[in-house]
Amino acid sequence: RNQRKKEEESAVGAIYCKKIDDLLQQS
């Protein structure tokens, strides 16, 4: 629902997908 803080993303190398469809297609 909300994007996590940049430092939290960087710590695990996570990329935010605003749309679930994008995640489903790439995973």
PDB file of all heavy atoms in Angstrom:
ATOM      1  N   ARG A   1       0.835  -1.205   0.000  1.00  0.00           N
ATOM      2  CA  ARG A   1       0.000   0.000   0.000  1.00  0.00           C
ATOM      3  C   ARG A   1       0.868   1.253   0.000  1.00  0.00           C
ATOM      4  O   ARG A   1       0.553   2.240  -0.669  1.00  0.00           O
ATOM      5  CB  ARG A   1      -0.913   0.017   1.229  1.00  0.00           C
ATOM      6  CG  ARG A   1      -2.103  -0.926   1.138  1.00  0.00           C
ATOM      7  CD  ARG A   1      -2.904  -0.936   2.423  1.00  0.00           C
ATOM      8  NE  ARG A   1      -2.114  -1.425   3.552  1.00  0.00           N
ATOM      9  CZ  ARG A   1      -2.576  -1.545   4.793  1.00  0.00           C
ATOM     10  NH1 ARG A   1      -3.815  -1.203   5.063  1.00  0.00           N
ATOM     11  NH2 ARG A   1      -1.812  -2.011   5.756  1.00  0.00           N
ATOM     12  N   ASN A   2       1.968   1.182   0.741  1.00  0.00           N
ATOM     13  CA  ASN A   2       2.884   2.320   0.821  1.00  0.00           C
ATOM     14  C   ASN A   2       4.303   1.858   0.532  1.00  0.00           C
ATOM     15  O   ASN A   2       4.706   0.774   0.946  1.00  0.00           O
ATOM     16  CB  ASN A   2       2.832   2.960   2.219  1.00  0.00           C
ATOM     17  CG  ASN A   2       1.436   3.439   2.577  1.00  0.00           C
ATOM     18  OD1 ASN A   2       0.860   4.259   1.875  1.00  0.00           O
ATOM     19  ND2 ASN A   2       0.882   2.904   3.659  1.00  0.00           N
ATOM     20  N   GLN A   3       5.048   2.699  -0.171  1.00  0.00           N
ATOM     21  CA  GLN A   3       6.441   2.383  -0.445  1.00  0.00           C
ATOM     22  C   GLN A   3       7.263   2.524   0.822  1.00  0.00           C
ATOM     23  O   GLN A   3       7.062   3.454   1.612  1.00  0.00           O
ATOM     24  CB  GLN A   3       6.994   3.308  -1.536  1.00  0.00           C
ATOM     25  CG  GLN A   3       8.400   2.962  -1.984  1.00  0.00           C
ATOM     26  CD  GLN A   3       8.838   3.756  -3.199  1.00  0.00           C
ATOM     27  OE1 GLN A   3       8.059   4.530  -3.757  1.00  0.00           O
ATOM     28  NE2 GLN A   3      10.079   3.567  -3.617  1.00  0.00           N
ATOM     29  N   ARG A   4       8.177   1.582   1.049  1.00  0.00           N
ATOM     30  CA  ARG A   4       9.033   1.637   2.234  1.00  0.00           C
ATOM     31  C   ARG A   4      10.126   2.681   2.048  1.00  0.00           C
ATOM     32  O   ARG A   4      10.366   3.176   0.939  1.00  0.00           O
ATOM     33  CB  ARG A   4       9.639   0.270   2.516  1.00  0.00           C
ATOM     34  CG  ARG A   4       8.580  -0.783   2.868  1.00  0.00           C
ATOM     35  CD  ARG A   4       9.221  -2.019   3.436  1.00  0.00           C
ATOM     36  NE  ARG A   4       9.682  -1.769   4.801  1.00  0.00           N
ATOM     37  CZ  ARG A   4       9.287  -2.473   5.865  1.00  0.00           C
ATOM     38  NH1 ARG A   4       8.399  -3.426   5.736  1.00  0.00           N
ATOM     39  NH2 ARG A   4       9.777  -2.207   7.066  1.00  0.00           N
ATOM     40  N   LYS A   5      10.808   3.020   3.137  1.00  0.00           N
ATOM     41  CA  LYS A   5      11.875   4.014   3.086  1.00  0.00           C
ATOM     42  C   LYS A   5      13.004   3.523   2.184  1.00  0.00           C
ATOM     43  O   LYS A   5      13.262   2.325   2.071  1.00  0.00           O
ATOM     44  CB  LYS A   5      12.421   4.275   4.497  1.00  0.00           C
ATOM     45  CG  LYS A   5      11.399   4.899   5.437  1.00  0.00           C
ATOM     46  CD  LYS A   5      11.974   5.025   6.844  1.00  0.00           C
ATOM     47  CE  LYS A   5      10.954   5.617   7.812  1.00  0.00           C
ATOM     48  NZ  LYS A   5      11.484   5.678   9.197  1.00  0.00           N
ATOM     49  N   LYS A   6      13.688   4.473   1.559  1.00  0.00           N
ATOM     50  CA  LYS A   6      14.750   4.144   0.621  1.00  0.00           C
ATOM     51  C   LYS A   6      15.842   3.295   1.276  1.00  0.00           C
ATOM     52  O   LYS A   6      16.375   2.369   0.662  1.00  0.00           O
ATOM     53  CB  LYS A   6      15.365   5.427   0.038  1.00  0.00           C
ATOM     54  CG  LYS A   6      14.430   6.196  -0.886  1.00  0.00           C
ATOM     55  CD  LYS A   6      14.097   5.396  -2.134  1.00  0.00           C
ATOM     56  CE  LYS A   6      13.188   6.202  -3.075  1.00  0.00           C
ATOM     57  NZ  LYS A   6      12.766   5.371  -4.241  1.00  0.00           N
ATOM     58  N   GLU A   7      16.175   3.614   2.539  1.00  0.00           N
ATOM     59  CA  GLU A   7      17.223   2.857   3.214  1.00  0.00           C
ATOM     60  C   GLU A   7      16.786   1.422   3.486  1.00  0.00           C
ATOM     61  O   GLU A   7      17.611   0.492   3.475  1.00  0.00           O
ATOM     62  CB  GLU A   7      17.657   3.541   4.514  1.00  0.00           C
ATOM     63  CG  GLU A   7      16.543   3.840   5.504  1.00  0.00           C
ATOM     64  CD  GLU A   7      15.957   5.244   5.340  1.00  0.00           C
ATOM     65  OE1 GLU A   7      15.965   5.772   4.213  1.00  0.00           O
ATOM     66  OE2 GLU A   7      15.510   5.790   6.367  1.00  0.00           O
ATOM     67  N   GLU A   8      15.477   1.211   3.722  1.00  0.00           N
ATOM     68  CA  GLU A   8      14.961  -0.140   3.923  1.00  0.00           C
ATOM     69  C   GLU A   8      15.007  -0.927   2.617  1.00  0.00           C
ATOM     70  O   GLU A   8      15.352  -2.114   2.601  1.00  0.00           O
ATOM     71  CB  GLU A   8      13.535  -0.081   4.466  1.00  0.00           C
ATOM     72  CG  GLU A   8      13.442   0.489   5.872  1.00  0.00           C
ATOM     73  CD  GLU A   8      12.016   0.696   6.330  1.00  0.00           C
ATOM     74  OE1 GLU A   8      11.109   0.831   5.474  1.00  0.00           O
ATOM     75  OE2 GLU A   8      11.798   0.729   7.550  1.00  0.00           O
ATOM     76  N   GLU A   9      14.647  -0.250   1.519  1.00  0.00           N
ATOM     77  CA  GLU A   9      14.728  -0.896   0.205  1.00  0.00           C
ATOM     78  C   GLU A   9      16.172  -1.275  -0.114  1.00  0.00           C
ATOM     79  O   GLU A   9      16.451  -2.397  -0.552  1.00  0.00           O
ATOM     80  CB  GLU A   9      14.191   0.043  -0.879  1.00  0.00           C
ATOM     81  CG  GLU A   9      12.691   0.291  -0.820  1.00  0.00           C
ATOM     82  CD  GLU A   9      12.212   1.229  -1.920  1.00  0.00           C
ATOM     83  OE1 GLU A   9      13.038   2.026  -2.431  1.00  0.00           O
ATOM     84  OE2 GLU A   9      11.026   1.161  -2.265  1.00  0.00           O
ATOM     85  N   SER A  10      17.072  -0.352   0.113  1.00  0.00           N
ATOM     86  CA  SER A  10      18.482  -0.575  -0.221  1.00  0.00           C
ATOM     87  C   SER A  10      19.080  -1.727   0.583  1.00  0.00           C
ATOM     88  O   SER A  10      19.916  -2.488   0.083  1.00  0.00           O
ATOM     89  CB  SER A  10      19.296   0.692   0.029  1.00  0.00           C
ATOM     90  OG  SER A  10      18.845   1.749  -0.795  1.00  0.00           O
ATOM     91  N   ALA A  11      18.648  -1.864   1.836  1.00  0.00           N
ATOM     92  CA  ALA A  11      19.216  -2.890   2.715  1.00  0.00           C
ATOM     93  C   ALA A  11      18.987  -4.300   2.179  1.00  0.00           C
ATOM     94  O   ALA A  11      19.801  -5.198   2.409  1.00  0.00           O
ATOM     95  CB  ALA A  11      18.615  -2.756   4.119  1.00  0.00           C
ATOM     96  N   VAL A  12      17.870  -4.500   1.466  1.00  0.00           N
ATOM     97  CA  VAL A  12      17.575  -5.835   0.915  1.00  0.00           C
ATOM     98  C   VAL A  12      17.580  -5.838  -0.611  1.00  0.00           C
ATOM     99  O   VAL A  12      17.333  -6.875  -1.239  1.00  0.00           O
ATOM    100  CB  VAL A  12      16.214  -6.361   1.439  1.00  0.00           C
ATOM    101  CG1 VAL A  12      16.270  -6.617   2.932  1.00  0.00           C
ATOM    102  CG2 VAL A  12      15.071  -5.406   1.099  1.00  0.00           C
ATOM    103  N   GLY A  13      17.837  -4.675  -1.211  1.00  0.00           N
ATOM    104  CA  GLY A  13      17.847  -4.585  -2.671  1.00  0.00           C
ATOM    105  C   GLY A  13      16.470  -4.730  -3.292  1.00  0.00           C
ATOM    106  O   GLY A  13      16.326  -5.303  -4.381  1.00  0.00           O
ATOM    107  N   ALA A  14      15.447  -4.224  -2.613  1.00  0.00           N
ATOM    108  CA  ALA A  14      14.068  -4.375  -3.088  1.00  0.00           C
ATOM    109  C   ALA A  14      13.649  -3.210  -3.986  1.00  0.00           C
ATOM    110  O   ALA A  14      14.026  -2.065  -3.746  1.00  0.00           O
ATOM    111  CB  ALA A  14      13.112  -4.484  -1.904  1.00  0.00           C
ATOM    112  N   ILE A  15      12.865  -3.532  -5.013  1.00  0.00           N
ATOM    113  CA  ILE A  15      12.354  -2.533  -5.950  1.00  0.00           C
ATOM    114  C   ILE A  15      10.834  -2.474  -5.817  1.00  0.00           C
ATOM    115  O   ILE A  15      10.153  -3.503  -5.868  1.00  0.00           O
ATOM    116  CB  ILE A  15      12.747  -2.883  -7.397  1.00  0.00           C
ATOM    117  CG1 ILE A  15      14.279  -2.930  -7.531  1.00  0.00           C
ATOM    118  CG2 ILE A  15      12.152  -1.887  -8.387  1.00  0.00           C
ATOM    119  CD1 ILE A  15      14.761  -3.505  -8.840  1.00  0.00           C
ATOM    120  N   TYR A  16      10.307  -1.267  -5.656  1.00  0.00           N
ATOM    121  CA  TYR A  16       8.867  -1.071  -5.436  1.00  0.00           C
ATOM    122  C   TYR A  16       8.100  -1.123  -6.745  1.00  0.00           C
ATOM    123  O   TYR A  16       8.486  -0.489  -7.734  1.00  0.00           O
ATOM    124  CB  TYR A  16       8.641   0.273  -4.753  1.00  0.00           C
ATOM    125  CG  TYR A  16       7.191   0.607  -4.473  1.00  0.00           C
ATOM    126  CD1 TYR A  16       6.415  -0.205  -3.663  1.00  0.00           C
ATOM    127  CD2 TYR A  16       6.603   1.750  -5.020  1.00  0.00           C
ATOM    128  CE1 TYR A  16       5.097   0.104  -3.383  1.00  0.00           C
ATOM    129  CE2 TYR A  16       5.280   2.076  -4.753  1.00  0.00           C
ATOM    130  CZ  TYR A  16       4.524   1.244  -3.933  1.00  0.00           C
ATOM    131  OH  TYR A  16       3.217   1.556  -3.669  1.00  0.00           O
ATOM    132  N   CYS A  17       7.028  -1.894  -6.773  1.00  0.00           N
ATOM    133  CA  CYS A  17       6.099  -1.934  -7.904  1.00  0.00           C
ATOM    134  C   CYS A  17       4.788  -1.297  -7.450  1.00  0.00           C
ATOM    135  O   CYS A  17       4.073  -1.880  -6.621  1.00  0.00           O
ATOM    136  CB  CYS A  17       5.846  -3.364  -8.361  1.00  0.00           C
ATOM    137  SG  CYS A  17       7.263  -4.182  -9.107  1.00  0.00           S
ATOM    138  N   LYS A  18       4.474  -0.138  -7.979  1.00  0.00           N
ATOM    139  CA  LYS A  18       3.240   0.538  -7.591  1.00  0.00           C
ATOM    140  C   LYS A  18       2.017  -0.279  -8.008  1.00  0.00           C
ATOM    141  O   LYS A  18       1.016  -0.337  -7.294  1.00  0.00           O
ATOM    142  CB  LYS A  18       3.182   1.934  -8.213  1.00  0.00           C
ATOM    143  CG  LYS A  18       2.035   2.772  -7.705  1.00  0.00           C
ATOM    144  CD  LYS A  18       2.108   4.203  -8.228  1.00  0.00           C
ATOM    145  CE  LYS A  18       0.984   5.064  -7.660  1.00  0.00           C
ATOM    146  NZ  LYS A  18       1.062   6.470  -8.154  1.00  0.00           N
ATOM    147  N   LYS A  19       2.122  -0.951  -9.169  1.00  0.00           N
ATOM    148  CA  LYS A  19       1.021  -1.776  -9.670  1.00  0.00           C
ATOM    149  C   LYS A  19       1.359  -3.248  -9.466  1.00  0.00           C
ATOM    150  O   LYS A  19       2.447  -3.698  -9.829  1.00  0.00           O
ATOM    151  CB  LYS A  19       0.777  -1.494 -11.149  1.00  0.00           C
ATOM    152  CG  LYS A  19       0.287  -0.079 -11.435  1.00  0.00           C
ATOM    153  CD  LYS A  19       0.044   0.114 -12.926  1.00  0.00           C
ATOM    154  CE  LYS A  19      -0.480   1.514 -13.230  1.00  0.00           C
ATOM    155  NZ  LYS A  19      -0.691   1.727 -14.690  1.00  0.00           N
ATOM    156  N   ILE A  20       0.408  -3.986  -8.915  1.00  0.00           N
ATOM    157  CA  ILE A  20       0.630  -5.408  -8.684  1.00  0.00           C
ATOM    158  C   ILE A  20       0.829  -6.154  -9.994  1.00  0.00           C
ATOM    159  O   ILE A  20       1.568  -7.148 -10.061  1.00  0.00           O
ATOM    160  CB  ILE A  20      -0.537  -6.018  -7.861  1.00  0.00           C
ATOM    161  CG1 ILE A  20      -0.159  -7.434  -7.377  1.00  0.00           C
ATOM    162  CG2 ILE A  20      -1.823  -6.035  -8.661  1.00  0.00           C
ATOM    163  CD1 ILE A  20      -1.173  -8.051  -6.433  1.00  0.00           C
ATOM    164  N   ASP A  21       0.209  -5.671 -11.069  1.00  0.00           N
ATOM    165  CA  ASP A  21       0.333  -6.337 -12.369  1.00  0.00           C
ATOM    166  C   ASP A  21       1.787  -6.407 -12.814  1.00  0.00           C
ATOM    167  O   ASP A  21       2.226  -7.420 -13.373  1.00  0.00           O
ATOM    168  CB  ASP A  21      -0.495  -5.606 -13.428  1.00  0.00           C
ATOM    169  CG  ASP A  21      -1.993  -5.762 -13.215  1.00  0.00           C
ATOM    170  OD1 ASP A  21      -2.393  -6.322 -12.166  1.00  0.00           O
ATOM    171  OD2 ASP A  21      -2.778  -5.315 -14.074  1.00  0.00           O
ATOM    172  N   ASP A  22       2.537  -5.346 -12.584  1.00  0.00           N
ATOM    173  CA  ASP A  22       3.946  -5.320 -12.978  1.00  0.00           C
ATOM    174  C   ASP A  22       4.731  -6.393 -12.235  1.00  0.00           C
ATOM    175  O   ASP A  22       5.581  -7.075 -12.813  1.00  0.00           O
ATOM    176  CB  ASP A  22       4.555  -3.936 -12.715  1.00  0.00           C
ATOM    177  CG  ASP A  22       3.943  -2.850 -13.582  1.00  0.00           C
ATOM    178  OD1 ASP A  22       3.416  -3.182 -14.670  1.00  0.00           O
ATOM    179  OD2 ASP A  22       3.980  -1.682 -13.168  1.00  0.00           O
ATOM    180  N   LEU A  23       4.440  -6.529 -10.949  1.00  0.00           N
ATOM    181  CA  LEU A  23       5.118  -7.547 -10.141  1.00  0.00           C
ATOM    182  C   LEU A  23       4.777  -8.946 -10.643  1.00  0.00           C
ATOM    183  O   LEU A  23       5.665  -9.799 -10.779  1.00  0.00           O
ATOM    184  CB  LEU A  23       4.725  -7.376  -8.680  1.00  0.00           C
ATOM    185  CG  LEU A  23       5.320  -8.362  -7.661  1.00  0.00           C
ATOM    186  CD1 LEU A  23       5.561  -7.675  -6.327  1.00  0.00           C
ATOM    187  CD2 LEU A  23       4.410  -9.575  -7.454  1.00  0.00           C
ATOM    188  N   LEU A  24       3.505  -9.195 -10.912  1.00  0.00           N
ATOM    189  CA  LEU A  24       3.074 -10.526 -11.344  1.00  0.00           C
ATOM    190  C   LEU A  24       3.737 -10.927 -12.653  1.00  0.00           C
ATOM    191  O   LEU A  24       4.145 -12.088 -12.833  1.00  0.00           O
ATOM    192  CB  LEU A  24       1.551 -10.560 -11.493  1.00  0.00           C
ATOM    193  CG  LEU A  24       0.733 -10.374 -10.206  1.00  0.00           C
ATOM    194  CD1 LEU A  24      -0.741 -10.208 -10.528  1.00  0.00           C
ATOM    195  CD2 LEU A  24       0.944 -11.531  -9.246  1.00  0.00           C
ATOM    196  N   GLN A  25       3.874  -9.979 -13.560  1.00  0.00           N
ATOM    197  CA  GLN A  25       4.425 -10.281 -14.877  1.00  0.00           C
ATOM    198  C   GLN A  25       5.929 -10.554 -14.847  1.00  0.00           C
ATOM    199  O   GLN A  25       6.442 -11.305 -15.671  1.00  0.00           O
ATOM    200  CB  GLN A  25       4.125  -9.124 -15.841  1.00  0.00           C
ATOM    201  CG  GLN A  25       2.654  -9.006 -16.197  1.00  0.00           C
ATOM    202  CD  GLN A  25       2.324  -7.717 -16.928  1.00  0.00           C
ATOM    203  OE1 GLN A  25       2.977  -6.695 -16.742  1.00  0.00           O
ATOM    204  NE2 GLN A  25       1.295  -7.753 -17.781  1.00  0.00           N
ATOM    205  N   GLN A  26       6.618  -9.970 -13.882  1.00  0.00           N
ATOM    206  CA  GLN A  26       8.077 -10.069 -13.858  1.00  0.00           C
ATOM    207  C   GLN A  26       8.623 -11.148 -12.933  1.00  0.00           C
ATOM    208  O   GLN A  26       9.788 -11.553 -13.068  1.00  0.00           O
ATOM    209  CB  GLN A  26       8.679  -8.719 -13.419  1.00  0.00           C
ATOM    210  CG  GLN A  26       8.391  -7.562 -14.356  1.00  0.00           C
ATOM    211  CD  GLN A  26       8.977  -6.267 -13.817  1.00  0.00           C
ATOM    212  OE1 GLN A  26      10.185  -6.139 -13.616  1.00  0.00           O
ATOM    213  NE2 GLN A  26       8.119  -5.289 -13.570  1.00  0.00           N
ATOM    214  N   SER A  27       7.813 -11.643 -12.014  1.00  0.00           N
ATOM    215  CA  SER A  27       8.327 -12.500 -10.939  1.00  0.00           C
ATOM    216  C   SER A  27       8.352 -13.981 -11.316  1.00  0.00           C
ATOM    217  O   SER A  27       7.438 -14.496 -11.957  1.00  0.00           O
ATOM    218  CB  SER A  27       7.482 -12.324  -9.681  1.00  0.00           C
ATOM    219  OG  SER A  27       7.528 -10.988  -9.232  1.00  0.00           O
TER     220      SER A  27
END
